[in-house]
Amino acid sequence: MQFLVVFTFANDSSAASTVLKEIGESGGIGEALQMDLTQRSSIQEAITEVGKKYGAISVLVNNAVTGGRHPVRIAESDSEEWLQMIDHNLKATYLVTKMVLPFMKGSPWGRIVHVSSEIAEDGSRCILL
């Protein structure tokens, strides 16, 4: 059974090429789109391109996060660093989901999956003070 996977990447085109190869080796068709999750226009452009090209979107997987490598410590960070993490991790997830929904309505079924990290299980790494 052939399947189609369209995914986005921020700036590592080499990793995107590797993923495309793996999709092909698994019998699928893949397409990679560069997208900047910090720019609403970039999100809208990518989703519109996918929707126009393929019609309905059946599955959305939100799995892009930032800040996981090092905790943002409120006492030690500036507010800009904190706000950037919130924009990337929360605002972008909201915007992508909201912009995909009209294309999901054209599908006979749909699924939205939000992927988290081990921090959801172990909050000790996310030190606020």
N, C-alpha and C. Protein backbone atom coordinates (compact mmCIF):
# COMPACT_ATOMS: atom_id res chain seq x y z
N MET A 1 0.84 -1.18 0.00
CA MET A 1 0.00 0.00 0.00
C MET A 1 0.89 1.25 0.00
N GLN A 2 0.67 2.09 -0.96
CA GLN A 2 1.47 3.31 -1.05
C GLN A 2 0.86 4.40 -0.17
N PHE A 3 1.71 5.21 0.42
CA PHE A 3 1.27 6.28 1.30
C PHE A 3 2.03 7.55 0.96
N LEU A 4 1.47 8.66 1.35
CA LEU A 4 2.07 9.97 1.12
C LEU A 4 2.38 10.63 2.45
N VAL A 5 3.59 11.12 2.60
CA VAL A 5 4.00 11.86 3.79
C VAL A 5 4.57 13.20 3.34
N VAL A 6 3.95 14.27 3.78
CA VAL A 6 4.47 15.61 3.56
C VAL A 6 4.91 16.12 4.92
N PHE A 7 6.16 16.52 5.02
CA PHE A 7 6.66 17.01 6.29
C PHE A 7 7.42 18.30 6.08
N THR A 8 7.61 19.01 7.17
CA THR A 8 8.33 20.28 7.10
C THR A 8 9.63 20.17 7.88
N PHE A 9 10.54 21.05 7.54
CA PHE A 9 11.80 21.13 8.27
C PHE A 9 12.18 22.60 8.37
N ALA A 10 12.98 22.91 9.38
CA ALA A 10 13.37 24.30 9.59
C ALA A 10 14.55 24.69 8.71
N ASN A 11 15.68 23.99 8.85
CA ASN A 11 16.84 24.37 8.07
C ASN A 11 17.82 23.24 7.76
N ASP A 12 17.55 22.04 8.18
CA ASP A 12 18.47 20.93 7.92
C ASP A 12 18.01 20.14 6.70
N SER A 13 18.36 20.62 5.52
CA SER A 13 17.92 19.97 4.29
C SER A 13 18.55 18.59 4.12
N SER A 14 19.71 18.37 4.72
CA SER A 14 20.36 17.06 4.65
C SER A 14 19.52 16.02 5.41
N ALA A 15 19.05 16.38 6.58
CA ALA A 15 18.20 15.47 7.36
C ALA A 15 16.88 15.24 6.62
N ALA A 16 16.34 16.29 5.99
CA ALA A 16 15.10 16.14 5.23
C ALA A 16 15.30 15.16 4.08
N SER A 17 16.44 15.23 3.41
CA SER A 17 16.74 14.30 2.32
C SER A 17 16.81 12.86 2.82
N THR A 18 17.38 12.68 3.99
CA THR A 18 17.46 11.34 4.59
C THR A 18 16.07 10.79 4.87
N VAL A 19 15.20 11.63 5.41
CA VAL A 19 13.83 11.20 5.69
C VAL A 19 13.09 10.86 4.40
N LEU A 20 13.27 11.67 3.37
CA LEU A 20 12.64 11.39 2.07
C LEU A 20 13.09 10.04 1.53
N LYS A 21 14.37 9.74 1.66
CA LYS A 21 14.90 8.46 1.20
C LYS A 21 14.26 7.31 1.98
N GLU A 22 14.14 7.46 3.29
CA GLU A 22 13.54 6.42 4.12
C GLU A 22 12.07 6.20 3.77
N ILE A 23 11.36 7.27 3.49
CA ILE A 23 9.95 7.14 3.09
C ILE A 23 9.87 6.35 1.79
N GLY A 24 10.71 6.68 0.82
CA GLY A 24 10.74 5.97 -0.46
C GLY A 24 11.08 4.51 -0.29
N GLU A 25 12.05 4.21 0.56
CA GLU A 25 12.45 2.82 0.81
C GLU A 25 11.34 2.02 1.49
N SER A 26 10.44 2.72 2.15
CA SER A 26 9.31 2.05 2.82
C SER A 26 8.09 1.93 1.91
N GLY A 27 8.24 2.36 0.67
CA GLY A 27 7.14 2.24 -0.29
C GLY A 27 6.26 3.46 -0.38
N GLY A 28 6.66 4.54 0.22
CA GLY A 28 5.84 5.74 0.23
C GLY A 28 6.36 6.82 -0.71
N ILE A 29 5.60 7.86 -0.77
CA ILE A 29 5.97 9.05 -1.52
C ILE A 29 6.14 10.15 -0.47
N GLY A 30 7.21 10.91 -0.59
CA GLY A 30 7.47 11.95 0.39
C GLY A 30 7.69 13.30 -0.26
N GLU A 31 7.38 14.32 0.49
CA GLU A 31 7.67 15.68 0.07
C GLU A 31 8.08 16.46 1.31
N ALA A 32 9.15 17.23 1.19
CA ALA A 32 9.65 18.05 2.29
C ALA A 32 9.50 19.52 1.95
N LEU A 33 8.95 20.27 2.88
CA LEU A 33 8.79 21.71 2.70
C LEU A 33 9.51 22.43 3.82
N GLN A 34 10.29 23.44 3.46
CA GLN A 34 10.93 24.24 4.49
C GLN A 34 9.90 25.21 5.06
N MET A 35 9.86 25.29 6.39
CA MET A 35 8.88 26.14 7.06
C MET A 35 9.51 26.74 8.31
N ASP A 36 9.24 28.00 8.54
CA ASP A 36 9.71 28.70 9.73
C ASP A 36 8.54 28.84 10.68
N LEU A 37 8.57 28.07 11.75
CA LEU A 37 7.47 28.07 12.72
C LEU A 37 7.33 29.39 13.48
N THR A 38 8.31 30.26 13.36
CA THR A 38 8.21 31.55 14.04
C THR A 38 7.53 32.59 13.18
N GLN A 39 7.24 32.24 11.93
CA GLN A 39 6.62 33.19 11.00
C GLN A 39 5.25 32.68 10.55
N ARG A 40 4.22 33.38 10.94
CA ARG A 40 2.85 32.99 10.58
C ARG A 40 2.70 32.84 9.07
N SER A 41 3.33 33.72 8.28
CA SER A 41 3.20 33.65 6.83
C SER A 41 3.84 32.38 6.27
N SER A 42 4.93 31.94 6.86
CA SER A 42 5.59 30.71 6.42
C SER A 42 4.71 29.49 6.69
N ILE A 43 4.08 29.47 7.84
CA ILE A 43 3.16 28.39 8.20
C ILE A 43 1.99 28.37 7.21
N GLN A 44 1.38 29.52 6.99
CA GLN A 44 0.23 29.61 6.09
C GLN A 44 0.61 29.19 4.67
N GLU A 45 1.75 29.63 4.20
CA GLU A 45 2.20 29.30 2.85
C GLU A 45 2.39 27.79 2.67
N ALA A 46 3.04 27.15 3.64
CA ALA A 46 3.29 25.71 3.54
C ALA A 46 1.99 24.91 3.58
N ILE A 47 1.11 25.25 4.49
CA ILE A 47 -0.15 24.51 4.62
C ILE A 47 -1.04 24.73 3.40
N THR A 48 -1.09 25.94 2.91
CA THR A 48 -1.88 26.23 1.71
C THR A 48 -1.33 25.46 0.52
N GLU A 49 -0.01 25.39 0.38
CA GLU A 49 0.61 24.65 -0.72
C GLU A 49 0.23 23.17 -0.65
N VAL A 50 0.29 22.58 0.53
CA VAL A 50 -0.08 21.17 0.69
C VAL A 50 -1.55 20.97 0.39
N GLY A 51 -2.39 21.83 0.93
CA GLY A 51 -3.83 21.71 0.71
C GLY A 51 -4.22 21.82 -0.75
N LYS A 52 -3.62 22.77 -1.44
CA LYS A 52 -3.93 22.95 -2.86
C LYS A 52 -3.42 21.79 -3.71
N LYS A 53 -2.24 21.31 -3.36
CA LYS A 53 -1.63 20.25 -4.16
C LYS A 53 -2.28 18.89 -3.94
N TYR A 54 -2.63 18.58 -2.69
CA TYR A 54 -3.11 17.24 -2.36
C TYR A 54 -4.57 17.18 -1.92
N GLY A 55 -5.20 18.33 -1.76
CA GLY A 55 -6.59 18.32 -1.32
C GLY A 55 -6.68 18.18 0.19
N ALA A 56 -7.45 17.23 0.62
CA ALA A 56 -7.69 17.03 2.05
C ALA A 56 -6.42 16.57 2.77
N ILE A 57 -6.29 17.00 4.01
CA ILE A 57 -5.21 16.55 4.88
C ILE A 57 -5.83 15.64 5.92
N SER A 58 -5.32 14.43 6.01
CA SER A 58 -5.90 13.44 6.92
C SER A 58 -5.25 13.41 8.29
N VAL A 59 -3.94 13.61 8.35
CA VAL A 59 -3.22 13.49 9.61
C VAL A 59 -2.27 14.67 9.76
N LEU A 60 -2.27 15.24 10.95
CA LEU A 60 -1.31 16.28 11.31
C LEU A 60 -0.56 15.80 12.54
N VAL A 61 0.77 15.83 12.48
CA VAL A 61 1.59 15.50 13.64
C VAL A 61 2.40 16.75 13.98
N ASN A 62 2.10 17.34 15.12
CA ASN A 62 2.86 18.48 15.63
C ASN A 62 3.96 17.93 16.54
N ASN A 63 5.21 18.01 16.10
CA ASN A 63 6.29 17.48 16.94
C ASN A 63 7.51 18.37 17.01
N ALA A 64 7.39 19.60 16.58
CA ALA A 64 8.54 20.51 16.64
C ALA A 64 8.54 21.23 17.99
N VAL A 65 9.64 21.12 18.70
CA VAL A 65 9.78 21.83 19.98
C VAL A 65 11.16 22.45 20.04
N THR A 66 11.27 23.43 20.85
CA THR A 66 12.57 24.05 21.09
C THR A 66 12.72 24.25 22.60
N GLY A 67 13.94 24.32 23.04
CA GLY A 67 14.19 24.53 24.46
C GLY A 67 14.41 23.24 25.23
N GLY A 68 14.27 22.10 24.60
CA GLY A 68 14.41 20.83 25.29
C GLY A 68 15.84 20.49 25.67
N ARG A 69 16.80 21.03 24.95
CA ARG A 69 18.21 20.71 25.22
C ARG A 69 18.69 21.37 26.51
N HIS A 70 18.15 22.52 26.80
CA HIS A 70 18.50 23.20 28.04
C HIS A 70 17.25 23.90 28.56
N PRO A 71 16.99 23.76 29.85
CA PRO A 71 15.79 24.41 30.39
C PRO A 71 15.92 25.92 30.38
N VAL A 72 14.82 26.58 30.17
CA VAL A 72 14.80 28.04 30.27
C VAL A 72 14.49 28.37 31.73
N ARG A 73 15.47 28.91 32.39
CA ARG A 73 15.34 29.24 33.81
C ARG A 73 14.86 30.69 33.92
N ILE A 74 13.70 30.87 34.48
CA ILE A 74 13.11 32.20 34.55
C ILE A 74 14.04 33.20 35.24
N ALA A 75 14.64 32.80 36.34
CA ALA A 75 15.49 33.71 37.09
C ALA A 75 16.75 34.12 36.33
N GLU A 76 17.21 33.25 35.41
CA GLU A 76 18.47 33.50 34.71
C GLU A 76 18.30 33.95 33.26
N SER A 77 17.11 33.84 32.74
CA SER A 77 16.92 34.17 31.32
C SER A 77 16.25 35.53 31.17
N ASP A 78 16.37 36.06 29.97
CA ASP A 78 15.63 37.29 29.71
C ASP A 78 14.24 36.90 29.19
N SER A 79 13.34 37.82 29.24
CA SER A 79 11.97 37.50 28.85
C SER A 79 11.88 37.13 27.37
N GLU A 80 12.77 37.65 26.54
CA GLU A 80 12.74 37.34 25.11
C GLU A 80 12.97 35.85 24.85
N GLU A 81 13.93 35.26 25.56
CA GLU A 81 14.20 33.83 25.40
C GLU A 81 12.97 33.00 25.78
N TRP A 82 12.33 33.37 26.87
CA TRP A 82 11.13 32.67 27.33
C TRP A 82 10.01 32.81 26.31
N LEU A 83 9.79 34.02 25.82
CA LEU A 83 8.72 34.25 24.85
C LEU A 83 8.97 33.54 23.52
N GLN A 84 10.23 33.45 23.10
CA GLN A 84 10.55 32.71 21.88
C GLN A 84 10.21 31.23 22.03
N MET A 85 10.52 30.67 23.20
CA MET A 85 10.19 29.26 23.44
C MET A 85 8.67 29.06 23.42
N ILE A 86 7.93 29.95 24.04
CA ILE A 86 6.47 29.85 24.06
C ILE A 86 5.92 29.98 22.65
N ASP A 87 6.43 30.94 21.88
CA ASP A 87 5.97 31.11 20.49
C ASP A 87 6.22 29.86 19.67
N HIS A 88 7.39 29.28 19.80
CA HIS A 88 7.76 28.11 19.00
C HIS A 88 6.99 26.87 19.45
N ASN A 89 6.91 26.64 20.75
CA ASN A 89 6.31 25.41 21.25
C ASN A 89 4.79 25.45 21.34
N LEU A 90 4.22 26.59 21.65
CA LEU A 90 2.78 26.66 21.85
C LEU A 90 2.05 27.41 20.73
N LYS A 91 2.50 28.61 20.45
CA LYS A 91 1.83 29.42 19.44
C LYS A 91 1.87 28.75 18.07
N ALA A 92 3.03 28.22 17.69
CA ALA A 92 3.15 27.55 16.39
C ALA A 92 2.26 26.32 16.31
N THR A 93 2.18 25.56 17.39
CA THR A 93 1.30 24.38 17.41
C THR A 93 -0.15 24.79 17.20
N TYR A 94 -0.56 25.85 17.87
CA TYR A 94 -1.91 26.38 17.70
C TYR A 94 -2.15 26.81 16.26
N LEU A 95 -1.23 27.60 15.71
CA LEU A 95 -1.41 28.13 14.35
C LEU A 95 -1.44 27.02 13.30
N VAL A 96 -0.52 26.08 13.41
CA VAL A 96 -0.50 24.97 12.44
C VAL A 96 -1.82 24.20 12.51
N THR A 97 -2.24 23.86 13.71
CA THR A 97 -3.50 23.11 13.88
C THR A 97 -4.67 23.90 13.30
N LYS A 98 -4.78 25.16 13.65
CA LYS A 98 -5.88 26.00 13.17
C LYS A 98 -5.89 26.10 11.65
N MET A 99 -4.72 26.24 11.04
CA MET A 99 -4.65 26.40 9.59
C MET A 99 -4.87 25.09 8.83
N VAL A 100 -4.62 23.97 9.48
CA VAL A 100 -4.84 22.67 8.83
C VAL A 100 -6.31 22.26 8.89
N LEU A 101 -7.03 22.67 9.91
CA LEU A 101 -8.42 22.23 10.10
C LEU A 101 -9.32 22.38 8.87
N PRO A 102 -9.28 23.49 8.15
CA PRO A 102 -10.15 23.58 6.96
C PRO A 102 -9.85 22.49 5.92
N PHE A 103 -8.60 22.08 5.81
CA PHE A 103 -8.24 21.02 4.86
C PHE A 103 -8.60 19.63 5.40
N MET A 104 -8.70 19.49 6.72
CA MET A 104 -9.11 18.22 7.31
C MET A 104 -10.60 17.99 7.13
N LYS A 105 -11.35 19.05 7.06
CA LYS A 105 -12.80 18.91 6.90
C LYS A 105 -13.16 18.23 5.59
N GLY A 106 -12.29 18.28 4.59
CA GLY A 106 -12.53 17.64 3.31
C GLY A 106 -12.16 16.17 3.30
N SER A 107 -11.59 15.68 4.38
CA SER A 107 -11.18 14.28 4.48
C SER A 107 -12.28 13.47 5.15
N PRO A 108 -12.43 12.20 4.77
CA PRO A 108 -13.46 11.38 5.43
C PRO A 108 -13.18 11.16 6.92
N TRP A 109 -11.94 11.31 7.31
CA TRP A 109 -11.57 11.21 8.73
C TRP A 109 -10.28 11.98 8.92
N GLY A 110 -9.96 12.29 10.15
CA GLY A 110 -8.73 13.02 10.41
C GLY A 110 -8.22 12.75 11.81
N ARG A 111 -6.93 12.95 11.97
CA ARG A 111 -6.29 12.77 13.26
C ARG A 111 -5.28 13.89 13.46
N ILE A 112 -5.22 14.40 14.68
CA ILE A 112 -4.21 15.38 15.06
C ILE A 112 -3.45 14.80 16.23
N VAL A 113 -2.13 14.71 16.09
CA VAL A 113 -1.28 14.15 17.12
C VAL A 113 -0.31 15.23 17.57
N HIS A 114 -0.28 15.49 18.86
CA HIS A 114 0.67 16.44 19.43
C HIS A 114 1.72 15.63 20.19
N VAL A 115 2.96 15.72 19.77
CA VAL A 115 4.05 14.98 20.39
C VAL A 115 4.72 15.89 21.41
N SER A 116 4.99 15.32 22.56
CA SER A 116 5.65 16.06 23.62
C SER A 116 7.04 15.47 23.82
N SER A 117 7.63 15.72 24.96
CA SER A 117 8.95 15.17 25.26
C SER A 117 8.89 14.53 26.64
N GLU A 118 10.03 14.00 27.03
CA GLU A 118 10.09 13.37 28.35
C GLU A 118 9.93 14.38 29.48
N ILE A 119 10.03 15.67 29.16
CA ILE A 119 9.81 16.68 30.20
C ILE A 119 8.38 16.61 30.72
N ALA A 120 7.45 16.16 29.88
CA ALA A 120 6.07 16.01 30.33
C ALA A 120 5.99 14.95 31.43
N GLU A 121 6.89 13.97 31.38
CA GLU A 121 6.91 12.91 32.38
C GLU A 121 7.79 13.29 33.58
N ASP A 122 8.83 14.06 33.32
CA ASP A 122 9.82 14.37 34.35
C ASP A 122 10.07 15.88 34.37
N GLY A 123 9.26 16.60 35.09
CA GLY A 123 9.35 18.06 35.13
C GLY A 123 10.59 18.57 35.82
N SER A 124 11.40 17.69 36.41
CA SER A 124 12.57 18.15 37.16
C SER A 124 13.58 18.84 36.27
N ARG A 125 13.60 18.54 34.96
CA ARG A 125 14.56 19.19 34.08
C ARG A 125 14.13 20.61 33.73
N CYS A 126 12.88 20.91 33.93
CA CYS A 126 12.36 22.24 33.60
C CYS A 126 12.37 23.08 34.87
N ILE A 127 13.53 23.58 35.21
CA ILE A 127 13.70 24.35 36.44
C ILE A 127 13.33 25.80 36.18
N LEU A 128 12.39 26.28 36.93
CA LEU A 128 11.90 27.64 36.70
C LEU A 128 12.69 28.68 37.48
N LEU A 129 13.22 28.34 38.61
CA LEU A 129 13.90 29.34 39.44
C LEU A 129 15.39 29.14 39.46
